[in-house]
Full PDB file with SEQRES, HELIX, SHEET, SSBOND, CRYST1, ORIGX, SCALE, CONECT and MASTER records, all heavy atoms in Angstrom:
SEQRES   1 A   42  VAL ASP ASP LEU GLU PRO ALA LEU ALA ARG ALA LEU GLU          
SEQRES   2 A   42  ALA GLY ALA LEU GLN GLU GLY ASP ILE ARG GLU ALA ASN          
SEQRES   3 A   42  TRP GLY ARG ILE VAL GLN ILE ALA ASP PRO PHE GLY HIS          
SEQRES   4 A   42  GLY TRP CYS                                                  
HELIX    1 AA1 LEU A    4  ALA A   14  1                                  11    
SHEET    1 AA1 3 LEU A  17  GLN A  18  0                                        
SHEET    2 AA1 3 ILE A  33  ALA A  34 -1                                        
SHEET    3 AA1 3 GLY A  40  TRP A  41 -1                                        
SHEET    1 AA2 2 ARG A  23  ALA A  25  0                                        
SHEET    2 AA2 2 GLY A  28  ILE A  30 -1                                        
CRYST1    1.000    1.000    1.000  90.00  90.00  90.00 P 1           1          
ORIGX1      1.000000  0.000000  0.000000        0.00000                         
ORIGX2      0.000000  1.000000  0.000000        0.00000                         
ORIGX3      0.000000  0.000000  1.000000        0.00000                         
SCALE1      1.000000  0.000000  0.000000        0.00000                         
SCALE2      0.000000  1.000000  0.000000        0.00000                         
SCALE3      0.000000  0.000000  1.000000        0.00000                         
ATOM      1  N   VAL A   1     108.206  87.133 104.152  1.00  0.00           N  
ATOM      2  CA  VAL A   1     106.922  86.437 104.057  1.00  0.00           C  
ATOM      3  C   VAL A   1     107.088  85.178 103.208  1.00  0.00           C  
ATOM      4  O   VAL A   1     108.016  85.072 102.398  1.00  0.00           O  
ATOM      5  CB  VAL A   1     105.836  87.355 103.452  1.00  0.00           C  
ATOM      6  CG1 VAL A   1     105.619  88.583 104.342  1.00  0.00           C  
ATOM      7  CG2 VAL A   1     106.167  87.775 102.039  1.00  0.00           C  
ATOM      8  N   ASP A   2     106.177  84.237 103.383  1.00  0.00           N  
ATOM      9  CA  ASP A   2     106.213  83.010 102.598  1.00  0.00           C  
ATOM     10  C   ASP A   2     105.632  83.201 101.201  1.00  0.00           C  
ATOM     11  O   ASP A   2     106.069  82.555 100.257  1.00  0.00           O  
ATOM     12  CB  ASP A   2     105.439  81.890 103.314  1.00  0.00           C  
ATOM     13  CG  ASP A   2     106.119  81.445 104.592  1.00  0.00           C  
ATOM     14  OD1 ASP A   2     107.368  81.493 104.667  1.00  0.00           O  
ATOM     15  OD2 ASP A   2     105.399  81.054 105.532  1.00  0.00           O  
ATOM     16  N   ASP A   3     104.628  84.067 101.076  1.00  0.00           N  
ATOM     17  CA  ASP A   3     103.931  84.265  99.813  1.00  0.00           C  
ATOM     18  C   ASP A   3     103.629  85.756  99.673  1.00  0.00           C  
ATOM     19  O   ASP A   3     102.831  86.312 100.438  1.00  0.00           O  
ATOM     20  CB  ASP A   3     102.651  83.428  99.812  1.00  0.00           C  
ATOM     21  CG  ASP A   3     102.028  83.303  98.432  1.00  0.00           C  
ATOM     22  OD1 ASP A   3     102.512  83.950  97.479  1.00  0.00           O  
ATOM     23  OD2 ASP A   3     101.037  82.556  98.314  1.00  0.00           O  
ATOM     24  N   LEU A   4     104.266  86.407  98.713  1.00  0.00           N  
ATOM     25  CA  LEU A   4     104.246  87.865  98.619  1.00  0.00           C  
ATOM     26  C   LEU A   4     102.867  88.454  98.335  1.00  0.00           C  
ATOM     27  O   LEU A   4     102.464  89.423  98.982  1.00  0.00           O  
ATOM     28  CB  LEU A   4     105.253  88.320  97.557  1.00  0.00           C  
ATOM     29  CG  LEU A   4     105.564  89.807  97.529  1.00  0.00           C  
ATOM     30  CD1 LEU A   4     106.103  90.294  98.853  1.00  0.00           C  
ATOM     31  CD2 LEU A   4     106.542  90.113  96.416  1.00  0.00           C  
ATOM     32  N   GLU A   5     102.134  87.914  97.394  1.00  0.00           N  
ATOM     33  CA  GLU A   5     100.863  88.535  97.012  1.00  0.00           C  
ATOM     34  C   GLU A   5      99.853  88.598  98.159  1.00  0.00           C  
ATOM     35  O   GLU A   5      99.267  89.656  98.394  1.00  0.00           O  
ATOM     36  CB  GLU A   5     100.252  87.855  95.777  1.00  0.00           C  
ATOM     37  CG  GLU A   5     100.884  88.269  94.476  1.00  0.00           C  
ATOM     38  CD  GLU A   5     102.203  87.566  94.157  1.00  0.00           C  
ATOM     39  OE1 GLU A   5     102.673  86.729  94.965  1.00  0.00           O  
ATOM     40  OE2 GLU A   5     102.766  87.852  93.094  1.00  0.00           O  
ATOM     41  N   PRO A   6      99.609  87.506  98.887  1.00  0.00           N  
ATOM     42  CA  PRO A   6      98.667  87.611 100.006  1.00  0.00           C  
ATOM     43  C   PRO A   6      99.159  88.558 101.105  1.00  0.00           C  
ATOM     44  O   PRO A   6      98.365  89.268 101.716  1.00  0.00           O  
ATOM     45  CB  PRO A   6      98.544  86.184 100.535  1.00  0.00           C  
ATOM     46  CG  PRO A   6      99.041  85.310  99.451  1.00  0.00           C  
ATOM     47  CD  PRO A   6     100.018  86.120  98.655  1.00  0.00           C  
ATOM     48  N   ALA A   7     100.468  88.573 101.350  1.00  0.00           N  
ATOM     49  CA  ALA A   7     101.022  89.483 102.361  1.00  0.00           C  
ATOM     50  C   ALA A   7     100.834  90.934 101.936  1.00  0.00           C  
ATOM     51  O   ALA A   7     100.486  91.793 102.754  1.00  0.00           O  
ATOM     52  CB  ALA A   7     102.495  89.171 102.601  1.00  0.00           C  
ATOM     53  N   LEU A   8     101.046  91.209 100.657  1.00  0.00           N  
ATOM     54  CA  LEU A   8     100.850  92.563 100.142  1.00  0.00           C  
ATOM     55  C   LEU A   8      99.378  92.950 100.240  1.00  0.00           C  
ATOM     56  O   LEU A   8      99.049  94.058 100.681  1.00  0.00           O  
ATOM     57  CB  LEU A   8     101.345  92.666  98.701  1.00  0.00           C  
ATOM     58  CG  LEU A   8     101.104  94.003  98.003  1.00  0.00           C  
ATOM     59  CD1 LEU A   8     101.765  95.154  98.757  1.00  0.00           C  
ATOM     60  CD2 LEU A   8     101.596  93.929  96.555  1.00  0.00           C  
ATOM     61  N   ALA A   9      98.490  92.067  99.855  1.00  0.00           N  
ATOM     62  CA  ALA A   9      97.057  92.358  99.925  1.00  0.00           C  
ATOM     63  C   ALA A   9      96.640  92.670 101.366  1.00  0.00           C  
ATOM     64  O   ALA A   9      95.871  93.606 101.610  1.00  0.00           O  
ATOM     65  CB  ALA A   9      96.252  91.188  99.370  1.00  0.00           C  
ATOM     66  N   ARG A  10      97.165  91.909 102.301  1.00  0.00           N  
ATOM     67  CA  ARG A  10      96.848  92.130 103.717  1.00  0.00           C  
ATOM     68  C   ARG A  10      97.352  93.487 104.189  1.00  0.00           C  
ATOM     69  O   ARG A  10      96.637  94.226 104.878  1.00  0.00           O  
ATOM     70  CB  ARG A  10      97.466  91.005 104.540  1.00  0.00           C  
ATOM     71  CG  ARG A  10      97.089  91.014 105.986  1.00  0.00           C  
ATOM     72  CD  ARG A  10      97.460  89.691 106.587  1.00  0.00           C  
ATOM     73  NE  ARG A  10      98.238  89.908 107.794  1.00  0.00           N  
ATOM     74  CZ  ARG A  10      98.638  88.942 108.584  1.00  0.00           C  
ATOM     75  NH1 ARG A  10      98.376  87.685 108.285  1.00  0.00           N  
ATOM     76  NH2 ARG A  10      99.303  89.209 109.663  1.00  0.00           N  
ATOM     77  N   ALA A  11      98.566  93.852 103.807  1.00  0.00           N  
ATOM     78  CA  ALA A  11      99.128  95.151 104.199  1.00  0.00           C  
ATOM     79  C   ALA A  11      98.335  96.298 103.582  1.00  0.00           C  
ATOM     80  O   ALA A  11      98.039  97.297 104.243  1.00  0.00           O  
ATOM     81  CB  ALA A  11     100.597  95.227 103.802  1.00  0.00           C  
ATOM     82  N   LEU A  12      97.967  96.162 102.308  1.00  0.00           N  
ATOM     83  CA  LEU A  12      97.193  97.207 101.637  1.00  0.00           C  
ATOM     84  C   LEU A  12      95.813  97.354 102.273  1.00  0.00           C  
ATOM     85  O   LEU A  12      95.337  98.477 102.483  1.00  0.00           O  
ATOM     86  CB  LEU A  12      97.062  96.908 100.143  1.00  0.00           C  
ATOM     87  CG  LEU A  12      98.375  96.921  99.346  1.00  0.00           C  
ATOM     88  CD1 LEU A  12      98.123  96.487  97.911  1.00  0.00           C  
ATOM     89  CD2 LEU A  12      99.059  98.278  99.408  1.00  0.00           C  
ATOM     90  N   GLU A  13      95.185  96.245 102.598  1.00  0.00           N  
ATOM     91  CA  GLU A  13      93.875  96.278 103.255  1.00  0.00           C  
ATOM     92  C   GLU A  13      93.962  96.973 104.615  1.00  0.00           C  
ATOM     93  O   GLU A  13      93.031  97.660 105.038  1.00  0.00           O  
ATOM     94  CB  GLU A  13      93.332  94.855 103.413  1.00  0.00           C  
ATOM     95  CG  GLU A  13      92.007  94.767 104.117  1.00  0.00           C  
ATOM     96  CD  GLU A  13      90.843  95.341 103.318  1.00  0.00           C  
ATOM     97  OE1 GLU A  13      90.916  95.391 102.078  1.00  0.00           O  
ATOM     98  OE2 GLU A  13      89.844  95.730 103.951  1.00  0.00           O  
ATOM     99  N   ALA A  14      95.101  96.829 105.285  1.00  0.00           N  
ATOM    100  CA  ALA A  14      95.291  97.449 106.603  1.00  0.00           C  
ATOM    101  C   ALA A  14      95.608  98.936 106.506  1.00  0.00           C  
ATOM    102  O   ALA A  14      95.568  99.634 107.516  1.00  0.00           O  
ATOM    103  CB  ALA A  14      96.414  96.727 107.350  1.00  0.00           C  
ATOM    104  N   GLY A  15      95.934  99.416 105.294  1.00  0.00           N  
ATOM    105  CA  GLY A  15      96.196 100.847 105.131  1.00  0.00           C  
ATOM    106  C   GLY A  15      97.557 101.204 104.577  1.00  0.00           C  
ATOM    107  O   GLY A  15      97.883 102.389 104.458  1.00  0.00           O  
ATOM    108  N   ALA A  16      98.365 100.220 104.225  1.00  0.00           N  
ATOM    109  CA  ALA A  16      99.669 100.509 103.621  1.00  0.00           C  
ATOM    110  C   ALA A  16      99.473 101.026 102.197  1.00  0.00           C  
ATOM    111  O   ALA A  16      98.439 100.792 101.572  1.00  0.00           O  
ATOM    112  CB  ALA A  16     100.533  99.244 103.589  1.00  0.00           C  
ATOM    113  N   LEU A  17     100.474 101.718 101.694  1.00  0.00           N  
ATOM    114  CA  LEU A  17     100.501 102.163 100.303  1.00  0.00           C  
ATOM    115  C   LEU A  17     101.620 101.428  99.583  1.00  0.00           C  
ATOM    116  O   LEU A  17     102.746 101.368 100.079  1.00  0.00           O  
ATOM    117  CB  LEU A  17     100.754 103.669 100.231  1.00  0.00           C  
ATOM    118  CG  LEU A  17      99.699 104.562 100.876  1.00  0.00           C  
ATOM    119  CD1 LEU A  17     100.150 106.009 100.862  1.00  0.00           C  
ATOM    120  CD2 LEU A  17      98.367 104.391 100.173  1.00  0.00           C  
ATOM    121  N   GLN A  18     101.328 100.860  98.431  1.00  0.00           N  
ATOM    122  CA  GLN A  18     102.341 100.190  97.631  1.00  0.00           C  
ATOM    123  C   GLN A  18     103.138 101.243  96.878  1.00  0.00           C  
ATOM    124  O   GLN A  18     102.573 102.162  96.293  1.00  0.00           O  
ATOM    125  CB  GLN A  18     101.692  99.221  96.642  1.00  0.00           C  
ATOM    126  CG  GLN A  18     102.686  98.415  95.842  1.00  0.00           C  
ATOM    127  CD  GLN A  18     102.014  97.356  94.993  1.00  0.00           C  
ATOM    128  OE1 GLN A  18     100.855  97.006  95.205  1.00  0.00           O  
ATOM    129  NE2 GLN A  18     102.746  96.828  94.026  1.00  0.00           N  
ATOM    130  N   GLU A  19     104.452 101.091  96.871  1.00  0.00           N  
ATOM    131  CA  GLU A  19     105.339 102.042  96.199  1.00  0.00           C  
ATOM    132  C   GLU A  19     106.141 101.301  95.140  1.00  0.00           C  
ATOM    133  O   GLU A  19     107.236 100.823  95.394  1.00  0.00           O  
ATOM    134  CB  GLU A  19     106.254 102.717  97.208  1.00  0.00           C  
ATOM    135  CG  GLU A  19     105.482 103.534  98.232  1.00  0.00           C  
ATOM    136  CD  GLU A  19     106.365 104.273  99.204  1.00  0.00           C  
ATOM    137  OE1 GLU A  19     107.434 103.760  99.568  1.00  0.00           O  
ATOM    138  OE2 GLU A  19     105.968 105.377  99.613  1.00  0.00           O  
ATOM    139  N   GLY A  20     105.577 101.190  93.974  1.00  0.00           N  
ATOM    140  CA  GLY A  20     106.249 100.492  92.884  1.00  0.00           C  
ATOM    141  C   GLY A  20     105.744  99.075  92.728  1.00  0.00           C  
ATOM    142  O   GLY A  20     104.944  98.567  93.514  1.00  0.00           O  
ATOM    143  N   ASP A  21     106.238  98.456  91.669  1.00  0.00           N  
ATOM    144  CA  ASP A  21     105.836  97.094  91.325  1.00  0.00           C  
ATOM    145  C   ASP A  21     106.613  96.071  92.139  1.00  0.00           C  
ATOM    146  O   ASP A  21     107.680  96.375  92.691  1.00  0.00           O  
ATOM    147  CB  ASP A  21     106.101  96.829  89.840  1.00  0.00           C  
ATOM    148  CG  ASP A  21     105.259  97.714  88.935  1.00  0.00           C  
ATOM    149  OD1 ASP A  21     104.123  98.065  89.327  1.00  0.00           O  
ATOM    150  OD2 ASP A  21     105.746  98.061  87.833  1.00  0.00           O  
ATOM    151  N   ILE A  22     106.104  94.867  92.168  1.00  0.00           N  
ATOM    152  CA  ILE A  22     106.855  93.738  92.727  1.00  0.00           C  
ATOM    153  C   ILE A  22     108.053  93.501  91.811  1.00  0.00           C  
ATOM    154  O   ILE A  22     107.908  93.448  90.589  1.00  0.00           O  
ATOM    155  CB  ILE A  22     105.980  92.481  92.816  1.00  0.00           C  
ATOM    156  CG1 ILE A  22     104.848  92.700  93.835  1.00  0.00           C  
ATOM    157  CG2 ILE A  22     106.814  91.256  93.172  1.00  0.00           C  
ATOM    158  CD1 ILE A  22     103.833  91.572  93.900  1.00  0.00           C  
ATOM    159  N   ARG A  23     109.226  93.383  92.409  1.00  0.00           N  
ATOM    160  CA  ARG A  23     110.445  93.110  91.636  1.00  0.00           C  
ATOM    161  C   ARG A  23     110.926  91.699  91.985  1.00  0.00           C  
ATOM    162  O   ARG A  23     110.757  91.234  93.101  1.00  0.00           O  
ATOM    163  CB  ARG A  23     111.524  94.136  91.977  1.00  0.00           C  
ATOM    164  CG  ARG A  23     111.111  95.555  91.633  1.00  0.00           C  
ATOM    165  CD  ARG A  23     112.242  96.556  91.876  1.00  0.00           C  
ATOM    166  NE  ARG A  23     112.965  96.332  93.114  1.00  0.00           N  
ATOM    167  CZ  ARG A  23     112.800  97.062  94.221  1.00  0.00           C  
ATOM    168  NH1 ARG A  23     111.944  98.038  94.267  1.00  0.00           N  
ATOM    169  NH2 ARG A  23     113.520  96.808  95.291  1.00  0.00           N  
ATOM    170  N   GLU A  24     111.547  91.063  90.992  1.00  0.00           N  
ATOM    171  CA  GLU A  24     112.033  89.704  91.201  1.00  0.00           C  
ATOM    172  C   GLU A  24     113.492  89.608  90.804  1.00  0.00           C  
ATOM    173  O   GLU A  24     113.925  90.208  89.817  1.00  0.00           O  
ATOM    174  CB  GLU A  24     111.194  88.711  90.391  1.00  0.00           C  
ATOM    175  CG  GLU A  24     111.505  87.276  90.745  1.00  0.00           C  
ATOM    176  CD  GLU A  24     110.460  86.295  90.267  1.00  0.00           C  
ATOM    177  OE1 GLU A  24     109.269  86.664  90.207  1.00  0.00           O  
ATOM    178  OE2 GLU A  24     110.852  85.157  89.963  1.00  0.00           O  
ATOM    179  N   ALA A  25     114.237  88.852  91.598  1.00  0.00           N  
ATOM    180  CA  ALA A  25     115.647  88.562  91.326  1.00  0.00           C  
ATOM    181  C   ALA A  25     115.856  87.076  91.608  1.00  0.00           C  
ATOM    182  O   ALA A  25     114.934  86.393  92.070  1.00  0.00           O  
ATOM    183  CB  ALA A  25     116.552  89.410  92.216  1.00  0.00           C  
ATOM    184  N   ASN A  26     117.049  86.574  91.359  1.00  0.00           N  
ATOM    185  CA  ASN A  26     117.278  85.145  91.597  1.00  0.00           C  
ATOM    186  C   ASN A  26     117.214  84.786  93.079  1.00  0.00           C  
ATOM    187  O   ASN A  26     116.953  83.645  93.432  1.00  0.00           O  
ATOM    188  CB  ASN A  26     118.586  84.672  90.974  1.00  0.00           C  
ATOM    189  CG  ASN A  26     119.792  85.396  91.517  1.00  0.00           C  
ATOM    190  OD1 ASN A  26     119.692  86.500  92.034  1.00  0.00           O  
ATOM    191  ND2 ASN A  26     120.954  84.777  91.400  1.00  0.00           N  
ATOM    192  N   TRP A  27     117.386  85.744  93.955  1.00  0.00           N  
ATOM    193  CA  TRP A  27     117.323  85.490  95.404  1.00  0.00           C  
ATOM    194  C   TRP A  27     115.912  85.605  95.977  1.00  0.00           C  
ATOM    195  O   TRP A  27     115.630  85.127  97.063  1.00  0.00           O  
ATOM    196  CB  TRP A  27     118.249  86.436  96.167  1.00  0.00           C  
ATOM    197  CG  TRP A  27     118.020  87.881  95.845  1.00  0.00           C  
ATOM    198  CD1 TRP A  27     118.688  88.629  94.915  1.00  0.00           C  
ATOM    199  CD2 TRP A  27     117.037  88.741  96.409  1.00  0.00           C  
ATOM    200  NE1 TRP A  27     118.180  89.903  94.869  1.00  0.00           N  
ATOM    201  CE2 TRP A  27     117.168  89.999  95.787  1.00  0.00           C  
ATOM    202  CE3 TRP A  27     116.050  88.587  97.380  1.00  0.00           C  
ATOM    203  CZ2 TRP A  27     116.362  91.081  96.102  1.00  0.00           C  
ATOM    204  CZ3 TRP A  27     115.241  89.667  97.701  1.00  0.00           C  
ATOM    205  CH2 TRP A  27     115.411  90.893  97.059  1.00  0.00           C  
ATOM    206  N   GLY A  28     115.000  86.318  95.246  1.00  0.00           N  
ATOM    207  CA  GLY A  28     113.655  86.452  95.789  1.00  0.00           C  
ATOM    208  C   GLY A  28     112.841  87.544  95.125  1.00  0.00           C  
ATOM    209  O   GLY A  28     113.217  88.083  94.079  1.00  0.00           O  
ATOM    210  N   ARG A  29     111.732  87.862  95.752  1.00  0.00           N  
ATOM    211  CA  ARG A  29     110.799  88.873  95.257  1.00  0.00           C  
ATOM    212  C   ARG A  29     110.594  89.910  96.352  1.00  0.00           C  
ATOM    213  O   ARG A  29     110.571  89.566  97.539  1.00  0.00           O  
ATOM    214  CB  ARG A  29     109.470  88.211  94.913  1.00  0.00           C  
ATOM    215  CG  ARG A  29     109.647  87.083  93.914  1.00  0.00           C  
ATOM    216  CD  ARG A  29     108.383  86.250  93.748  1.00  0.00           C  
ATOM    217  NE  ARG A  29     107.394  87.055  93.049  1.00  0.00           N  
ATOM    218  CZ  ARG A  29     106.113  87.108  93.397  1.00  0.00           C  
ATOM    219  NH1 ARG A  29     105.651  86.428  94.421  1.00  0.00           N  
ATOM    220  NH2 ARG A  29     105.273  87.858  92.710  1.00  0.00           N  
ATOM    221  N   ILE A  30     110.392  91.182  95.953  1.00  0.00           N  
ATOM    222  CA  ILE A  30     110.313  92.263  96.927  1.00  0.00           C  
ATOM    223  C   ILE A  30     109.355  93.342  96.427  1.00  0.00           C  
ATOM    224  O   ILE A  30     109.240  93.568  95.220  1.00  0.00           O  
ATOM    225  CB  ILE A  30     111.721  92.849  97.196  1.00  0.00           C  
ATOM    226  CG1 ILE A  30     111.715  93.818  98.371  1.00  0.00           C  
ATOM    227  CG2 ILE A  30     112.310  93.470  95.944  1.00  0.00           C  
ATOM    228  CD1 ILE A  30     113.124  94.189  98.853  1.00  0.00           C  
ATOM    229  N   VAL A  31     108.685  93.982  97.362  1.00  0.00           N  
ATOM    230  CA  VAL A  31     107.849  95.137  97.038  1.00  0.00           C  
ATOM    231  C   VAL A  31     107.980  96.138  98.178  1.00  0.00           C  
ATOM    232  O   VAL A  31     108.040  95.764  99.353  1.00  0.00           O  
ATOM    233  CB  VAL A  31     106.371  94.740  96.794  1.00  0.00           C  
ATOM    234  CG1 VAL A  31     105.710  94.187  98.033  1.00  0.00           C  
ATOM    235  CG2 VAL A  31     105.589  95.909  96.220  1.00  0.00           C  
ATOM    236  N   GLN A  32     108.034  97.402  97.818  1.00  0.00           N  
ATOM    237  CA  GLN A  32     108.135  98.476  98.803  1.00  0.00           C  
ATOM    238  C   GLN A  32     106.729  98.957  99.160  1.00  0.00           C  
ATOM    239  O   GLN A  32     105.873  99.097  98.286  1.00  0.00           O  
ATOM    240  CB  GLN A  32     108.935  99.645  98.249  1.00  0.00           C  
ATOM    241  CG  GLN A  32     110.399  99.296  98.028  1.00  0.00           C  
ATOM    242  CD  GLN A  32     111.098 100.413  97.295  1.00  0.00           C  
ATOM    243  OE1 GLN A  32     111.194 100.391  96.077  1.00  0.00           O  
ATOM    244  NE2 GLN A  32     111.559 101.391  98.050  1.00  0.00           N  
ATOM    245  N   ILE A  33     106.537  99.226 100.449  1.00  0.00           N  
ATOM    246  CA  ILE A  33     105.279  99.789 100.926  1.00  0.00           C  
ATOM    247  C   ILE A  33     105.598 100.889 101.943  1.00  0.00           C  
ATOM    248  O   ILE A  33     106.718 100.976 102.449  1.00  0.00           O  
ATOM    249  CB  ILE A  33     104.357  98.727 101.567  1.00  0.00           C  
ATOM    250  CG1 ILE A  33     105.013  98.091 102.792  1.00  0.00           C  
ATOM    251  CG2 ILE A  33     103.957  97.669 100.548  1.00  0.00           C  
ATOM    252  CD1 ILE A  33     104.096  97.177 103.593  1.00  0.00           C  
ATOM    253  N   ALA A  34     104.598 101.709 102.229  1.00  0.00           N  
ATOM    254  CA  ALA A  34     104.692 102.688 103.308  1.00  0.00           C  
ATOM    255  C   ALA A  34     103.526 102.445 104.253  1.00  0.00           C  
ATOM    256  O   ALA A  34     102.409 102.165 103.819  1.00  0.00           O  
ATOM    257  CB  ALA A  34     104.636 104.104 102.750  1.00  0.00           C  
ATOM    258  N   ASP A  35     103.793 102.534 105.547  1.00  0.00           N  
ATOM    259  CA  ASP A  35     102.715 102.406 106.520  1.00  0.00           C  
ATOM    260  C   ASP A  35     101.942 103.730 106.584  1.00  0.00           C  
ATOM    261  O   ASP A  35     102.349 104.721 105.980  1.00  0.00           O  
ATOM    262  CB  ASP A  35     103.256 101.943 107.884  1.00  0.00           C  
ATOM    263  CG  ASP A  35     104.074 102.981 108.633  1.00  0.00           C  
ATOM    264  OD1 ASP A  35     104.017 104.185 108.307  1.00  0.00           O  
ATOM    265  OD2 ASP A  35     104.783 102.579 109.578  1.00  0.00           O  
ATOM    266  N   PRO A  36     100.825 103.779 107.279  1.00  0.00           N  
ATOM    267  CA  PRO A  36     100.024 105.007 107.323  1.00  0.00           C  
ATOM    268  C   PRO A  36     100.714 106.174 108.033  1.00  0.00           C  
ATOM    269  O   PRO A  36     100.192 107.278 108.036  1.00  0.00           O  
ATOM    270  CB  PRO A  36      98.765 104.589 108.096  1.00  0.00           C  
ATOM    271  CG  PRO A  36      98.698 103.112 107.978  1.00  0.00           C  
ATOM    272  CD  PRO A  36     100.127 102.655 107.903  1.00  0.00           C  
ATOM    273  N   PHE A  37     101.878 105.922 108.617  1.00  0.00           N  
ATOM    274  CA  PHE A  37     102.588 106.939 109.389  1.00  0.00           C  
ATOM    275  C   PHE A  37     103.827 107.447 108.667  1.00  0.00           C  
ATOM    276  O   PHE A  37     104.656 108.134 109.246  1.00  0.00           O  
ATOM    277  CB  PHE A  37     102.937 106.365 110.769  1.00  0.00           C  
ATOM    278  CG  PHE A  37     101.787 105.581 111.336  1.00  0.00           C  
ATOM    279  CD1 PHE A  37     101.816 104.204 111.357  1.00  0.00           C  
ATOM    280  CD2 PHE A  37     100.645 106.227 111.766  1.00  0.00           C  
ATOM    281  CE1 PHE A  37     100.731 103.474 111.826  1.00  0.00           C  
ATOM    282  CE2 PHE A  37      99.549 105.508 112.233  1.00  0.00           C  
ATOM    283  CZ  PHE A  37      99.597 104.131 112.268  1.00  0.00           C  
ATOM    284  N   GLY A  38     103.966 107.071 107.385  1.00  0.00           N  
ATOM    285  CA  GLY A  38     105.048 107.582 106.558  1.00  0.00           C  
ATOM    286  C   GLY A  38     106.322 106.759 106.555  1.00  0.00           C  
ATOM    287  O   GLY A  38     107.276 107.108 105.881  1.00  0.00           O  
ATOM    288  N   HIS A  39     106.357 105.654 107.294  1.00  0.00           N  
ATOM    289  CA  HIS A  39     107.567 104.833 107.380  1.00  0.00           C  
ATOM    290  C   HIS A  39     107.629 103.832 106.232  1.00  0.00           C  
ATOM    291  O   HIS A  39     106.632 103.206 105.888  1.00  0.00           O  
ATOM    292  CB  HIS A  39     107.614 104.064 108.703  1.00  0.00           C  
ATOM    293  CG  HIS A  39     107.444 104.919 109.915  1.00  0.00           C  
ATOM    294  ND1 HIS A  39     108.249 105.993 110.196  1.00  0.00           N  
ATOM    295  CD2 HIS A  39     106.532 104.873 110.917  1.00  0.00           C  
ATOM    296  CE1 HIS A  39     107.867 106.558 111.321  1.00  0.00           C  
ATOM    297  NE2 HIS A  39     106.814 105.901 111.781  1.00  0.00           N  
ATOM    298  N   GLY A  40     108.806 103.653 105.658  1.00  0.00           N  
ATOM    299  CA  GLY A  40     109.005 102.702 104.579  1.00  0.00           C  
ATOM    300  C   GLY A  40     109.283 101.298 105.087  1.00  0.00           C  
ATOM    301  O   GLY A  40     109.978 101.119 106.094  1.00  0.00           O  
ATOM    302  N   TRP A  41     108.753 100.324 104.387  1.00  0.00           N  
ATOM    303  CA  TRP A  41     108.932  98.905 104.687  1.00  0.00           C  
ATOM    304  C   TRP A  41     109.089  98.168 103.363  1.00  0.00           C  
ATOM    305  O   TRP A  41     108.681  98.668 102.321  1.00  0.00           O  
ATOM    306  CB  TRP A  41     107.685  98.334 105.377  1.00  0.00           C  
ATOM    307  CG  TRP A  41     107.395  98.921 106.716  1.00  0.00           C  
ATOM    308  CD1 TRP A  41     106.795 100.125 106.972  1.00  0.00           C  
ATOM    309  CD2 TRP A  41     107.694  98.343 107.976  1.00  0.00           C  
ATOM    310  NE1 TRP A  41     106.700 100.311 108.316  1.00  0.00           N  
ATOM    311  CE2 TRP A  41     107.241  99.234 108.960  1.00  0.00           C  
ATOM    312  CE3 TRP A  41     108.297  97.154 108.363  1.00  0.00           C  
ATOM    313  CZ2 TRP A  41     107.377  98.974 110.315  1.00  0.00           C  
ATOM    314  CZ3 TRP A  41     108.426  96.889 109.713  1.00  0.00           C  
ATOM    315  CH2 TRP A  41     107.974  97.796 110.675  1.00  0.00           C  
ATOM    316  N   CYS A  42     109.641  96.971 103.409  1.00  0.00           N  
ATOM    317  CA  CYS A  42     109.635  96.087 102.247  1.00  0.00           C  
ATOM    318  C   CYS A  42     109.058  94.742 102.672  1.00  0.00           C  
ATOM    319  O   CYS A  42     109.333  94.260 103.771  1.00  0.00           O  
ATOM    320  CB  CYS A  42     111.049  95.856 101.698  1.00  0.00           C  
ATOM    321  SG  CYS A  42     111.740  97.289 100.871  1.00  0.00           S  
TER     322      CYS A  42                                                      
MASTER        0    0    0    1    5    0    0    6  321    1    0    4          
END                                                                             
């Protein structure tokens, strides 16, 4: 995604569950989510 926070908000509004905090490294930022069907995504 181009901008993590709005993308995360959109996924959560759609029914995803956030799994942990947003993490940052020199290459980028990442957050783990699960869809409503139990599948993991980042």
